[in-house]
Amino acid sequence: MTFKLANDIDLGKVAEEQSNHTAIRYFSGTFDGEGHTIDNLTISSDADNQRLFGYVGYGGKVKNVRLTNAKISGVSNVGSVVYYSNGIIKNCAHSGAVSSNVSYVTDAGVIVGYKIGAISNCY
């Protein structure tokens, strides 16, 4: 399946009680942001593996999306766009904060925490 983002999304306009968003756990399709921005994504948890996309499986693609003013925090294994990728991640960007609640962090990153697949043109 292919999903395309048709517009920019400002999650800062979401009511306060709904502002802590749940990530997509497993994804093996194509997500094309088409150059749009997801602004003010907030994920704050006292659990591991916090991110927008959890696992992008073999053949999965996340591309052409920007996260701005993102605030992602968790215990360990924290990223922004994808935590674990076995697929393709390209043309993605991030600005904001990524933080861990422990002094040791494994497999953490801003765009992708842990990758086996390809990543290109991301910043």
PDB file of N, CA and C in Angstrom:
ATOM      1  N   MET A   1       0.828  -1.176   0.000  1.00  0.00           N
ATOM      2  CA  MET A   1       0.000   0.000   0.000  1.00  0.00           C
ATOM      3  C   MET A   1       0.875   1.242   0.000  1.00  0.00           C
ATOM      4  N   THR A   2       0.386   2.274  -0.637  1.00  0.00           N
ATOM      5  CA  THR A   2       1.079   3.556  -0.667  1.00  0.00           C
ATOM      6  C   THR A   2       0.207   4.618  -0.015  1.00  0.00           C
ATOM      7  N   PHE A   3       0.804   5.383   0.865  1.00  0.00           N
ATOM      8  CA  PHE A   3       0.130   6.494   1.522  1.00  0.00           C
ATOM      9  C   PHE A   3       0.864   7.767   1.153  1.00  0.00           C
ATOM     10  N   LYS A   4       0.123   8.813   0.782  1.00  0.00           N
ATOM     11  CA  LYS A   4       0.718  10.093   0.427  1.00  0.00           C
ATOM     12  C   LYS A   4       0.137  11.178   1.323  1.00  0.00           C
ATOM     13  N   LEU A   5       1.034  11.999   1.839  1.00  0.00           N
ATOM     14  CA  LEU A   5       0.618  13.127   2.653  1.00  0.00           C
ATOM     15  C   LEU A   5       0.209  14.251   1.718  1.00  0.00           C
ATOM     16  N   ALA A   6      -1.016  14.713   1.811  1.00  0.00           N
ATOM     17  CA  ALA A   6      -1.548  15.701   0.870  1.00  0.00           C
ATOM     18  C   ALA A   6      -1.313  17.138   1.313  1.00  0.00           C
ATOM     19  N   ASN A   7      -1.067  17.352   2.610  1.00  0.00           N
ATOM     20  CA  ASN A   7      -0.882  18.700   3.152  1.00  0.00           C
ATOM     21  C   ASN A   7       0.084  18.653   4.318  1.00  0.00           C
ATOM     22  N   ASP A   8       0.577  19.820   4.710  1.00  0.00           N
ATOM     23  CA  ASP A   8       1.316  19.936   5.957  1.00  0.00           C
ATOM     24  C   ASP A   8       0.354  19.632   7.098  1.00  0.00           C
ATOM     25  N   ILE A   9       0.893  19.097   8.199  1.00  0.00           N
ATOM     26  CA  ILE A   9       0.083  18.803   9.383  1.00  0.00           C
ATOM     27  C   ILE A   9       0.710  19.529  10.563  1.00  0.00           C
ATOM     28  N   ASP A  10      -0.080  20.317  11.292  1.00  0.00           N
ATOM     29  CA  ASP A  10       0.385  20.977  12.504  1.00  0.00           C
ATOM     30  C   ASP A  10      -0.299  20.317  13.688  1.00  0.00           C
ATOM     31  N   LEU A  11       0.441  19.461  14.385  1.00  0.00           N
ATOM     32  CA  LEU A  11      -0.125  18.742  15.525  1.00  0.00           C
ATOM     33  C   LEU A  11      -0.209  19.615  16.769  1.00  0.00           C
ATOM     34  N   GLY A  12       0.364  20.829  16.718  1.00  0.00           N
ATOM     35  CA  GLY A  12       0.254  21.771  17.824  1.00  0.00           C
ATOM     36  C   GLY A  12      -1.171  22.259  18.000  1.00  0.00           C
ATOM     37  N   LYS A  13      -1.996  22.093  17.002  1.00  0.00           N
ATOM     38  CA  LYS A  13      -3.395  22.509  17.072  1.00  0.00           C
ATOM     39  C   LYS A  13      -4.289  21.443  17.673  1.00  0.00           C
ATOM     40  N   VAL A  14      -3.721  20.280  17.973  1.00  0.00           N
ATOM     41  CA  VAL A  14      -4.474  19.190  18.584  1.00  0.00           C
ATOM     42  C   VAL A  14      -4.662  19.521  20.062  1.00  0.00           C
ATOM     43  N   ALA A  15      -5.818  19.204  20.597  1.00  0.00           N
ATOM     44  CA  ALA A  15      -6.096  19.480  22.008  1.00  0.00           C
ATOM     45  C   ALA A  15      -5.026  18.877  22.899  1.00  0.00           C
ATOM     46  N   GLU A  16      -4.695  19.563  23.980  1.00  0.00           N
ATOM     47  CA  GLU A  16      -3.627  19.152  24.901  1.00  0.00           C
ATOM     48  C   GLU A  16      -3.759  17.696  25.343  1.00  0.00           C
ATOM     49  N   GLU A  17      -4.955  17.248  25.645  1.00  0.00           N
ATOM     50  CA  GLU A  17      -5.122  15.873  26.131  1.00  0.00           C
ATOM     51  C   GLU A  17      -4.865  14.836  25.046  1.00  0.00           C
ATOM     52  N   GLN A  18      -4.751  15.261  23.794  1.00  0.00           N
ATOM     53  CA  GLN A  18      -4.486  14.339  22.699  1.00  0.00           C
ATOM     54  C   GLN A  18      -3.119  14.577  22.074  1.00  0.00           C
ATOM     55  N   SER A  19      -2.266  15.369  22.713  1.00  0.00           N
ATOM     56  CA  SER A  19      -1.024  15.773  22.063  1.00  0.00           C
ATOM     57  C   SER A  19       0.090  14.737  22.130  1.00  0.00           C
ATOM     58  N   ASN A  20      -0.041  13.698  22.934  1.00  0.00           N
ATOM     59  CA  ASN A  20       0.972  12.659  22.999  1.00  0.00           C
ATOM     60  C   ASN A  20       0.578  11.546  22.030  1.00  0.00           C
ATOM     61  N   HIS A  21       1.161  11.552  20.853  1.00  0.00           N
ATOM     62  CA  HIS A  21       0.741  10.673  19.763  1.00  0.00           C
ATOM     63  C   HIS A  21       1.368   9.296  19.852  1.00  0.00           C
ATOM     64  N   THR A  22       0.667   8.308  19.379  1.00  0.00           N
ATOM     65  CA  THR A  22       1.155   6.941  19.326  1.00  0.00           C
ATOM     66  C   THR A  22       1.802   6.691  17.966  1.00  0.00           C
ATOM     67  N   ALA A  23       2.942   6.075  17.989  1.00  0.00           N
ATOM     68  CA  ALA A  23       3.679   5.801  16.759  1.00  0.00           C
ATOM     69  C   ALA A  23       3.058   4.652  15.973  1.00  0.00           C
ATOM     70  N   ILE A  24       3.443   4.566  14.726  1.00  0.00           N
ATOM     71  CA  ILE A  24       3.059   3.459  13.854  1.00  0.00           C
ATOM     72  C   ILE A  24       4.040   2.331  14.145  1.00  0.00           C
ATOM     73  N   ARG A  25       3.582   1.182  14.581  1.00  0.00           N
ATOM     74  CA  ARG A  25       4.482   0.119  15.037  1.00  0.00           C
ATOM     75  C   ARG A  25       5.209  -0.605  13.918  1.00  0.00           C
ATOM     76  N   TYR A  26       4.508  -1.086  12.922  1.00  0.00           N
ATOM     77  CA  TYR A  26       5.117  -1.852  11.847  1.00  0.00           C
ATOM     78  C   TYR A  26       4.574  -1.320  10.531  1.00  0.00           C
ATOM     79  N   PHE A  27       5.474  -1.092   9.586  1.00  0.00           N
ATOM     80  CA  PHE A  27       5.058  -0.530   8.313  1.00  0.00           C
ATOM     81  C   PHE A  27       5.889  -1.160   7.201  1.00  0.00           C
ATOM     82  N   SER A  28       5.215  -1.685   6.176  1.00  0.00           N
ATOM     83  CA  SER A  28       5.956  -2.283   5.070  1.00  0.00           C
ATOM     84  C   SER A  28       5.487  -1.756   3.716  1.00  0.00           C
ATOM     85  N   GLY A  29       4.684  -0.707   3.727  1.00  0.00           N
ATOM     86  CA  GLY A  29       4.244  -0.088   2.482  1.00  0.00           C
ATOM     87  C   GLY A  29       5.140   1.080   2.121  1.00  0.00           C
ATOM     88  N   THR A  30       4.585   2.049   1.400  1.00  0.00           N
ATOM     89  CA  THR A  30       5.307   3.268   1.054  1.00  0.00           C
ATOM     90  C   THR A  30       4.574   4.451   1.672  1.00  0.00           C
ATOM     91  N   PHE A  31       5.319   5.252   2.435  1.00  0.00           N
ATOM     92  CA  PHE A  31       4.793   6.513   2.947  1.00  0.00           C
ATOM     93  C   PHE A  31       5.548   7.623   2.243  1.00  0.00           C
ATOM     94  N   ASP A  32       4.848   8.397   1.425  1.00  0.00           N
ATOM     95  CA  ASP A  32       5.454   9.506   0.682  1.00  0.00           C
ATOM     96  C   ASP A  32       4.892  10.810   1.238  1.00  0.00           C
ATOM     97  N   GLY A  33       5.732  11.554   1.928  1.00  0.00           N
ATOM     98  CA  GLY A  33       5.318  12.830   2.486  1.00  0.00           C
ATOM     99  C   GLY A  33       5.150  13.917   1.442  1.00  0.00           C
ATOM    100  N   GLU A  34       5.592  13.652   0.225  1.00  0.00           N
ATOM    101  CA  GLU A  34       5.499  14.578  -0.902  1.00  0.00           C
ATOM    102  C   GLU A  34       6.028  15.964  -0.558  1.00  0.00           C
ATOM    103  N   GLY A  35       7.064  16.008   0.296  1.00  0.00           N
ATOM    104  CA  GLY A  35       7.698  17.271   0.664  1.00  0.00           C
ATOM    105  C   GLY A  35       6.976  18.046   1.743  1.00  0.00           C
ATOM    106  N   HIS A  36       5.915  17.471   2.297  1.00  0.00           N
ATOM    107  CA  HIS A  36       5.146  18.167   3.329  1.00  0.00           C
ATOM    108  C   HIS A  36       5.808  18.026   4.694  1.00  0.00           C
ATOM    109  N   THR A  37       5.334  18.832   5.638  1.00  0.00           N
ATOM    110  CA  THR A  37       5.880  18.903   6.988  1.00  0.00           C
ATOM    111  C   THR A  37       4.868  18.406   8.010  1.00  0.00           C
ATOM    112  N   ILE A  38       5.358  17.634   8.976  1.00  0.00           N
ATOM    113  CA  ILE A  38       4.592  17.296  10.170  1.00  0.00           C
ATOM    114  C   ILE A  38       5.212  18.128  11.279  1.00  0.00           C
ATOM    115  N   ASP A  39       4.479  19.106  11.771  1.00  0.00           N
ATOM    116  CA  ASP A  39       4.990  20.055  12.752  1.00  0.00           C
ATOM    117  C   ASP A  39       4.449  19.713  14.144  1.00  0.00           C
ATOM    118  N   ASN A  40       5.297  19.936  15.142  1.00  0.00           N
ATOM    119  CA  ASN A  40       4.903  19.793  16.553  1.00  0.00           C
ATOM    120  C   ASN A  40       4.506  18.370  16.949  1.00  0.00           C
ATOM    121  N   LEU A  41       5.157  17.357  16.391  1.00  0.00           N
ATOM    122  CA  LEU A  41       4.921  15.976  16.828  1.00  0.00           C
ATOM    123  C   LEU A  41       5.508  15.808  18.222  1.00  0.00           C
ATOM    124  N   THR A  42       4.702  15.364  19.163  1.00  0.00           N
ATOM    125  CA  THR A  42       5.167  15.135  20.532  1.00  0.00           C
ATOM    126  C   THR A  42       4.888  13.694  20.912  1.00  0.00           C
ATOM    127  N   ILE A  43       5.958  12.970  21.247  1.00  0.00           N
ATOM    128  CA  ILE A  43       5.836  11.605  21.766  1.00  0.00           C
ATOM    129  C   ILE A  43       6.699  11.566  23.017  1.00  0.00           C
ATOM    130  N   SER A  44       6.071  11.390  24.162  1.00  0.00           N
ATOM    131  CA  SER A  44       6.777  11.358  25.434  1.00  0.00           C
ATOM    132  C   SER A  44       6.291  10.149  26.214  1.00  0.00           C
ATOM    133  N   SER A  45       7.245   9.297  26.595  1.00  0.00           N
ATOM    134  CA  SER A  45       6.848   8.049  27.238  1.00  0.00           C
ATOM    135  C   SER A  45       7.928   7.567  28.192  1.00  0.00           C
ATOM    136  N   ASP A  46       7.532   6.756  29.148  1.00  0.00           N
ATOM    137  CA  ASP A  46       8.514   6.108  30.019  1.00  0.00           C
ATOM    138  C   ASP A  46       8.744   4.671  29.546  1.00  0.00           C
ATOM    139  N   ALA A  47       8.610   4.472  28.225  1.00  0.00           N
ATOM    140  CA  ALA A  47       8.855   3.169  27.600  1.00  0.00           C
ATOM    141  C   ALA A  47       9.957   3.298  26.552  1.00  0.00           C
ATOM    142  N   ASP A  48      10.457   2.171  26.076  1.00  0.00           N
ATOM    143  CA  ASP A  48      11.464   2.140  25.022  1.00  0.00           C
ATOM    144  C   ASP A  48      10.815   2.350  23.651  1.00  0.00           C
ATOM    145  N   ASN A  49      11.676   2.516  22.638  1.00  0.00           N
ATOM    146  CA  ASN A  49      11.289   2.482  21.226  1.00  0.00           C
ATOM    147  C   ASN A  49      10.282   3.565  20.828  1.00  0.00           C
ATOM    148  N   GLN A  50      10.586   4.811  21.128  1.00  0.00           N
ATOM    149  CA  GLN A  50       9.704   5.913  20.777  1.00  0.00           C
ATOM    150  C   GLN A  50      10.130   6.535  19.451  1.00  0.00           C
ATOM    151  N   ARG A  51       9.139   6.801  18.536  1.00  0.00           N
ATOM    152  CA  ARG A  51       9.416   7.296  17.198  1.00  0.00           C
ATOM    153  C   ARG A  51       8.109   7.475  16.441  1.00  0.00           C
ATOM    154  N   LEU A  52       8.162   8.027  15.219  1.00  0.00           N
ATOM    155  CA  LEU A  52       6.980   8.122  14.373  1.00  0.00           C
ATOM    156  C   LEU A  52       6.651   6.753  13.771  1.00  0.00           C
ATOM    157  N   PHE A  53       7.632   6.139  13.093  1.00  0.00           N
ATOM    158  CA  PHE A  53       7.483   4.777  12.556  1.00  0.00           C
ATOM    159  C   PHE A  53       8.383   3.863  13.381  1.00  0.00           C
ATOM    160  N   GLY A  54       7.857   2.751  13.856  1.00  0.00           N
ATOM    161  CA  GLY A  54       8.653   1.813  14.637  1.00  0.00           C
ATOM    162  C   GLY A  54       9.565   0.985  13.770  1.00  0.00           C
ATOM    163  N   TYR A  55       9.007   0.043  13.067  1.00  0.00           N
ATOM    164  CA  TYR A  55       9.780  -0.861  12.222  1.00  0.00           C
ATOM    165  C   TYR A  55       9.304  -0.690  10.784  1.00  0.00           C
ATOM    166  N   VAL A  56      10.226  -0.312   9.912  1.00  0.00           N
ATOM    167  CA  VAL A  56       9.942  -0.278   8.476  1.00  0.00           C
ATOM    168  C   VAL A  56      10.536  -1.552   7.913  1.00  0.00           C
ATOM    169  N   GLY A  57       9.670  -2.443   7.455  1.00  0.00           N
ATOM    170  CA  GLY A  57      10.086  -3.759   7.001  1.00  0.00           C
ATOM    171  C   GLY A  57      10.720  -3.763   5.625  1.00  0.00           C
ATOM    172  N   TYR A  58      11.264  -4.910   5.250  1.00  0.00           N
ATOM    173  CA  TYR A  58      11.877  -5.101   3.942  1.00  0.00           C
ATOM    174  C   TYR A  58      10.875  -4.711   2.862  1.00  0.00           C
ATOM    175  N   GLY A  59      11.301  -3.863   1.959  1.00  0.00           N
ATOM    176  CA  GLY A  59      10.422  -3.376   0.903  1.00  0.00           C
ATOM    177  C   GLY A  59       9.649  -2.124   1.294  1.00  0.00           C
ATOM    178  N   GLY A  60       9.659  -1.766   2.570  1.00  0.00           N
ATOM    179  CA  GLY A  60       8.983  -0.559   3.026  1.00  0.00           C
ATOM    180  C   GLY A  60       9.792   0.685   2.683  1.00  0.00           C
ATOM    181  N   LYS A  61       9.105   1.807   2.506  1.00  0.00           N
ATOM    182  CA  LYS A  61       9.763   3.063   2.174  1.00  0.00           C
ATOM    183  C   LYS A  61       9.105   4.203   2.943  1.00  0.00           C
ATOM    184  N   VAL A  62       9.926   5.083   3.492  1.00  0.00           N
ATOM    185  CA  VAL A  62       9.469   6.346   4.060  1.00  0.00           C
ATOM    186  C   VAL A  62      10.294   7.410   3.378  1.00  0.00           C
ATOM    187  N   LYS A  63       9.618   8.375   2.729  1.00  0.00           N
ATOM    188  CA  LYS A  63      10.361   9.353   1.944  1.00  0.00           C
ATOM    189  C   LYS A  63       9.653  10.708   1.907  1.00  0.00           C
ATOM    190  N   ASN A  64      10.451  11.725   1.636  1.00  0.00           N
ATOM    191  CA  ASN A  64       9.962  13.076   1.338  1.00  0.00           C
ATOM    192  C   ASN A  64       9.115  13.697   2.442  1.00  0.00           C
ATOM    193  N   VAL A  65       9.532  13.541   3.693  1.00  0.00           N
ATOM    194  CA  VAL A  65       8.780  14.125   4.803  1.00  0.00           C
ATOM    195  C   VAL A  65       9.738  14.857   5.754  1.00  0.00           C
ATOM    196  N   ARG A  66       9.243  15.955   6.324  1.00  0.00           N
ATOM    197  CA  ARG A  66      10.019  16.735   7.287  1.00  0.00           C
ATOM    198  C   ARG A  66       9.259  16.770   8.610  1.00  0.00           C
ATOM    199  N   LEU A  67       9.978  16.528   9.696  1.00  0.00           N
ATOM    200  CA  LEU A  67       9.442  16.734  11.040  1.00  0.00           C
ATOM    201  C   LEU A  67      10.055  18.027  11.563  1.00  0.00           C
ATOM    202  N   THR A  68       9.221  18.975  11.982  1.00  0.00           N
ATOM    203  CA  THR A  68       9.732  20.222  12.555  1.00  0.00           C
ATOM    204  C   THR A  68       9.160  20.394  13.949  1.00  0.00           C
ATOM    205  N   ASN A  69       9.953  21.018  14.817  1.00  0.00           N
ATOM    206  CA  ASN A  69       9.557  21.242  16.214  1.00  0.00           C
ATOM    207  C   ASN A  69       9.140  19.944  16.897  1.00  0.00           C
ATOM    208  N   ALA A  70       9.761  18.840  16.525  1.00  0.00           N
ATOM    209  CA  ALA A  70       9.425  17.532  17.100  1.00  0.00           C
ATOM    210  C   ALA A  70      10.030  17.402  18.496  1.00  0.00           C
ATOM    211  N   LYS A  71       9.323  16.744  19.372  1.00  0.00           N
ATOM    212  CA  LYS A  71       9.803  16.452  20.725  1.00  0.00           C
ATOM    213  C   LYS A  71       9.535  14.973  20.980  1.00  0.00           C
ATOM    214  N   ILE A  72      10.592  14.160  20.878  1.00  0.00           N
ATOM    215  CA  ILE A  72      10.474  12.716  21.037  1.00  0.00           C
ATOM    216  C   ILE A  72      11.316  12.305  22.247  1.00  0.00           C
ATOM    217  N   SER A  73      10.703  11.655  23.232  1.00  0.00           N
ATOM    218  CA  SER A  73      11.478  11.203  24.387  1.00  0.00           C
ATOM    219  C   SER A  73      10.967   9.844  24.846  1.00  0.00           C
ATOM    220  N   GLY A  74      11.875   9.085  25.416  1.00  0.00           N
ATOM    221  CA  GLY A  74      11.567   7.758  25.928  1.00  0.00           C
ATOM    222  C   GLY A  74      12.708   7.266  26.784  1.00  0.00           C
ATOM    223  N   VAL A  75      12.660   6.005  27.168  1.00  0.00           N
ATOM    224  CA  VAL A  75      13.696   5.447  28.037  1.00  0.00           C
ATOM    225  C   VAL A  75      14.953   5.143  27.238  1.00  0.00           C
ATOM    226  N   SER A  76      14.857   4.312  26.221  1.00  0.00           N
ATOM    227  CA  SER A  76      16.000   4.010  25.353  1.00  0.00           C
ATOM    228  C   SER A  76      15.466   3.674  23.966  1.00  0.00           C
ATOM    229  N   ASN A  77      16.369   3.562  23.009  1.00  0.00           N
ATOM    230  CA  ASN A  77      15.998   3.281  21.622  1.00  0.00           C
ATOM    231  C   ASN A  77      15.011   4.335  21.100  1.00  0.00           C
ATOM    232  N   VAL A  78      15.446   5.569  21.129  1.00  0.00           N
ATOM    233  CA  VAL A  78      14.604   6.699  20.754  1.00  0.00           C
ATOM    234  C   VAL A  78      15.099   7.284  19.440  1.00  0.00           C
ATOM    235  N   GLY A  79      14.195   7.553  18.522  1.00  0.00           N
ATOM    236  CA  GLY A  79      14.523   8.193  17.261  1.00  0.00           C
ATOM    237  C   GLY A  79      13.417   9.160  16.883  1.00  0.00           C
ATOM    238  N   SER A  80      13.440   9.693  15.677  1.00  0.00           N
ATOM    239  CA  SER A  80      12.343  10.583  15.296  1.00  0.00           C
ATOM    240  C   SER A  80      11.506   9.987  14.176  1.00  0.00           C
ATOM    241  N   VAL A  81      12.053   9.819  12.996  1.00  0.00           N
ATOM    242  CA  VAL A  81      11.255   9.334  11.871  1.00  0.00           C
ATOM    243  C   VAL A  81      11.040   7.828  11.975  1.00  0.00           C
ATOM    244  N   VAL A  82      12.112   7.047  12.116  1.00  0.00           N
ATOM    245  CA  VAL A  82      12.021   5.579  12.165  1.00  0.00           C
ATOM    246  C   VAL A  82      12.968   5.068  13.244  1.00  0.00           C
ATOM    247  N   TYR A  83      12.504   4.124  14.051  1.00  0.00           N
ATOM    248  CA  TYR A  83      13.423   3.517  15.008  1.00  0.00           C
ATOM    249  C   TYR A  83      14.271   2.424  14.342  1.00  0.00           C
ATOM    250  N   TYR A  84      13.648   1.461  13.672  1.00  0.00           N
ATOM    251  CA  TYR A  84      14.370   0.324  13.099  1.00  0.00           C
ATOM    252  C   TYR A  84      13.944   0.181  11.644  1.00  0.00           C
ATOM    253  N   SER A  85      14.919   0.213  10.737  1.00  0.00           N
ATOM    254  CA  SER A  85      14.575   0.143   9.317  1.00  0.00           C
ATOM    255  C   SER A  85      15.305  -0.975   8.601  1.00  0.00           C
ATOM    256  N   ASN A  86      14.532  -1.788   7.941  1.00  0.00           N
ATOM    257  CA  ASN A  86      15.052  -2.796   7.040  1.00  0.00           C
ATOM    258  C   ASN A  86      14.666  -2.422   5.609  1.00  0.00           C
ATOM    259  N   GLY A  87      14.087  -1.218   5.467  1.00  0.00           N
ATOM    260  CA  GLY A  87      13.612  -0.739   4.171  1.00  0.00           C
ATOM    261  C   GLY A  87      14.444   0.427   3.664  1.00  0.00           C
ATOM    262  N   ILE A  88      13.770   1.377   3.019  1.00  0.00           N
ATOM    263  CA  ILE A  88      14.436   2.531   2.413  1.00  0.00           C
ATOM    264  C   ILE A  88      13.891   3.805   3.046  1.00  0.00           C
ATOM    265  N   ILE A  89      14.797   4.647   3.507  1.00  0.00           N
ATOM    266  CA  ILE A  89      14.449   5.938   4.078  1.00  0.00           C
ATOM    267  C   ILE A  89      15.196   6.983   3.258  1.00  0.00           C
ATOM    268  N   LYS A  90      14.447   7.922   2.638  1.00  0.00           N
ATOM    269  CA  LYS A  90      15.147   8.924   1.831  1.00  0.00           C
ATOM    270  C   LYS A  90      14.409  10.255   1.845  1.00  0.00           C
ATOM    271  N   ASN A  91      15.200  11.307   1.679  1.00  0.00           N
ATOM    272  CA  ASN A  91      14.690  12.678   1.610  1.00  0.00           C
ATOM    273  C   ASN A  91      13.847  13.049   2.829  1.00  0.00           C
ATOM    274  N   CYS A  92      14.323  12.708   4.020  1.00  0.00           N
ATOM    275  CA  CYS A  92      13.626  13.042   5.257  1.00  0.00           C
ATOM    276  C   CYS A  92      14.454  14.041   6.056  1.00  0.00           C
ATOM    277  N   ALA A  93      13.778  14.863   6.842  1.00  0.00           N
ATOM    278  CA  ALA A  93      14.466  15.859   7.660  1.00  0.00           C
ATOM    279  C   ALA A  93      13.833  15.920   9.041  1.00  0.00           C
ATOM    280  N   HIS A  94      14.618  16.399  10.013  1.00  0.00           N
ATOM    281  CA  HIS A  94      14.154  16.517  11.392  1.00  0.00           C
ATOM    282  C   HIS A  94      14.717  17.784  12.011  1.00  0.00           C
ATOM    283  N   SER A  95      13.878  18.513  12.730  1.00  0.00           N
ATOM    284  CA  SER A  95      14.363  19.562  13.630  1.00  0.00           C
ATOM    285  C   SER A  95      13.556  19.451  14.911  1.00  0.00           C
ATOM    286  N   GLY A  96      14.215  19.659  16.020  1.00  0.00           N
ATOM    287  CA  GLY A  96      13.566  19.535  17.314  1.00  0.00           C
ATOM    288  C   GLY A  96      14.455  18.783  18.272  1.00  0.00           C
ATOM    289  N   ALA A  97      13.858  18.037  19.192  1.00  0.00           N
ATOM    290  CA  ALA A  97      14.609  17.351  20.242  1.00  0.00           C
ATOM    291  C   ALA A  97      14.297  15.861  20.253  1.00  0.00           C
ATOM    292  N   VAL A  98      15.347  15.073  20.485  1.00  0.00           N
ATOM    293  CA  VAL A  98      15.225  13.634  20.712  1.00  0.00           C
ATOM    294  C   VAL A  98      15.995  13.367  21.993  1.00  0.00           C
ATOM    295  N   SER A  99      15.344  12.762  22.994  1.00  0.00           N
ATOM    296  CA  SER A  99      16.033  12.553  24.267  1.00  0.00           C
ATOM    297  C   SER A  99      15.674  11.209  24.878  1.00  0.00           C
ATOM    298  N   SER A 100      16.590  10.753  25.732  1.00  0.00           N
ATOM    299  CA  SER A 100      16.432   9.486  26.430  1.00  0.00           C
ATOM    300  C   SER A 100      16.433   9.749  27.927  1.00  0.00           C
ATOM    301  N   ASN A 101      15.702   8.943  28.677  1.00  0.00           N
ATOM    302  CA  ASN A 101      15.620   9.106  30.126  1.00  0.00           C
ATOM    303  C   ASN A 101      16.657   8.278  30.879  1.00  0.00           C
ATOM    304  N   VAL A 102      17.619   7.692  30.179  1.00  0.00           N
ATOM    305  CA  VAL A 102      18.663   6.908  30.830  1.00  0.00           C
ATOM    306  C   VAL A 102      20.023   7.407  30.375  1.00  0.00           C
ATOM    307  N   SER A 103      21.055   7.047  31.108  1.00  0.00           N
ATOM    308  CA  SER A 103      22.400   7.521  30.774  1.00  0.00           C
ATOM    309  C   SER A 103      23.044   6.714  29.654  1.00  0.00           C
ATOM    310  N   TYR A 104      22.481   5.574  29.301  1.00  0.00           N
ATOM    311  CA  TYR A 104      22.991   4.775  28.192  1.00  0.00           C
ATOM    312  C   TYR A 104      21.875   4.681  27.150  1.00  0.00           C
ATOM    313  N   VAL A 105      22.241   4.747  25.905  1.00  0.00           N
ATOM    314  CA  VAL A 105      21.254   4.638  24.835  1.00  0.00           C
ATOM    315  C   VAL A 105      21.805   3.695  23.793  1.00  0.00           C
ATOM    316  N   THR A 106      21.013   2.734  23.397  1.00  0.00           N
ATOM    317  CA  THR A 106      21.425   1.838  22.330  1.00  0.00           C
ATOM    318  C   THR A 106      20.590   2.107  21.099  1.00  0.00           C
ATOM    319  N   ASP A 107      21.188   2.055  19.956  1.00  0.00           N
ATOM    320  CA  ASP A 107      20.477   2.184  18.693  1.00  0.00           C
ATOM    321  C   ASP A 107      19.600   3.437  18.642  1.00  0.00           C
ATOM    322  N   ALA A 108      20.172   4.566  18.990  1.00  0.00           N
ATOM    323  CA  ALA A 108      19.418   5.817  18.955  1.00  0.00           C
ATOM    324  C   ALA A 108      19.909   6.678  17.802  1.00  0.00           C
ATOM    325  N   GLY A 109      19.000   7.444  17.236  1.00  0.00           N
ATOM    326  CA  GLY A 109      19.383   8.348  16.171  1.00  0.00           C
ATOM    327  C   GLY A 109      18.286   9.356  15.918  1.00  0.00           C
ATOM    328  N   VAL A 110      18.609  10.386  15.168  1.00  0.00           N
ATOM    329  CA  VAL A 110      17.621  11.423  14.911  1.00  0.00           C
ATOM    330  C   VAL A 110      16.668  10.985  13.806  1.00  0.00           C
ATOM    331  N   ILE A 111      17.152  10.612  12.649  1.00  0.00           N
ATOM    332  CA  ILE A 111      16.284  10.161  11.562  1.00  0.00           C
ATOM    333  C   ILE A 111      15.947   8.681  11.743  1.00  0.00           C
ATOM    334  N   VAL A 112      16.959   7.832  11.871  1.00  0.00           N
ATOM    335  CA  VAL A 112      16.783   6.387  12.028  1.00  0.00           C
ATOM    336  C   VAL A 112      17.647   5.917  13.186  1.00  0.00           C
ATOM    337  N   GLY A 113      17.059   5.180  14.109  1.00  0.00           N
ATOM    338  CA  GLY A 113      17.816   4.669  15.238  1.00  0.00           C
ATOM    339  C   GLY A 113      18.713   3.508  14.862  1.00  0.00           C
ATOM    340  N   TYR A 114      18.191   2.553  14.127  1.00  0.00           N
ATOM    341  CA  TYR A 114      18.950   1.361  13.740  1.00  0.00           C
ATOM    342  C   TYR A 114      18.537   1.000  12.326  1.00  0.00           C
ATOM    343  N   LYS A 115      19.532   0.807  11.456  1.00  0.00           N
ATOM    344  CA  LYS A 115      19.186   0.515  10.066  1.00  0.00           C
ATOM    345  C   LYS A 115      19.927  -0.687   9.531  1.00  0.00           C
ATOM    346  N   ILE A 116      19.250  -1.460   8.741  1.00  0.00           N
ATOM    347  CA  ILE A 116      19.844  -2.512   7.932  1.00  0.00           C
ATOM    348  C   ILE A 116      19.684  -2.119   6.472  1.00  0.00           C
ATOM    349  N   GLY A 117      18.571  -1.449   6.160  1.00  0.00           N
ATOM    350  CA  GLY A 117      18.285  -1.004   4.803  1.00  0.00           C
ATOM    351  C   GLY A 117      19.034   0.274   4.448  1.00  0.00           C
ATOM    352  N   ALA A 118      18.591   0.941   3.403  1.00  0.00           N
ATOM    353  CA  ALA A 118      19.263   2.128   2.880  1.00  0.00           C
ATOM    354  C   ALA A 118      18.682   3.407   3.464  1.00  0.00           C
ATOM    355  N   ILE A 119      19.548   4.397   3.645  1.00  0.00           N
ATOM    356  CA  ILE A 119      19.131   5.739   4.035  1.00  0.00           C
ATOM    357  C   ILE A 119      19.914   6.723   3.170  1.00  0.00           C
ATOM    358  N   SER A 120      19.205   7.713   2.614  1.00  0.00           N
ATOM    359  CA  SER A 120      19.897   8.683   1.747  1.00  0.00           C
ATOM    360  C   SER A 120      19.193  10.033   1.789  1.00  0.00           C
ATOM    361  N   ASN A 121      19.988  11.080   1.585  1.00  0.00           N
ATOM    362  CA  ASN A 121      19.494  12.465   1.485  1.00  0.00           C
ATOM    363  C   ASN A 121      18.642  12.886   2.661  1.00  0.00           C
ATOM    364  N   CYS A 122      19.030  12.500   3.866  1.00  0.00           N
ATOM    365  CA  CYS A 122      18.305  12.882   5.065  1.00  0.00           C
ATOM    366  C   CYS A 122      19.185  13.812   5.901  1.00  0.00           C
ATOM    367  N   TYR A 123      18.528  14.719   6.597  1.00  0.00           N
ATOM    368  CA  TYR A 123      19.267  15.632   7.472  1.00  0.00           C
ATOM    369  C   TYR A 123      18.424  16.017   8.663  1.00  0.00           C
TER     370      TYR A 123
END
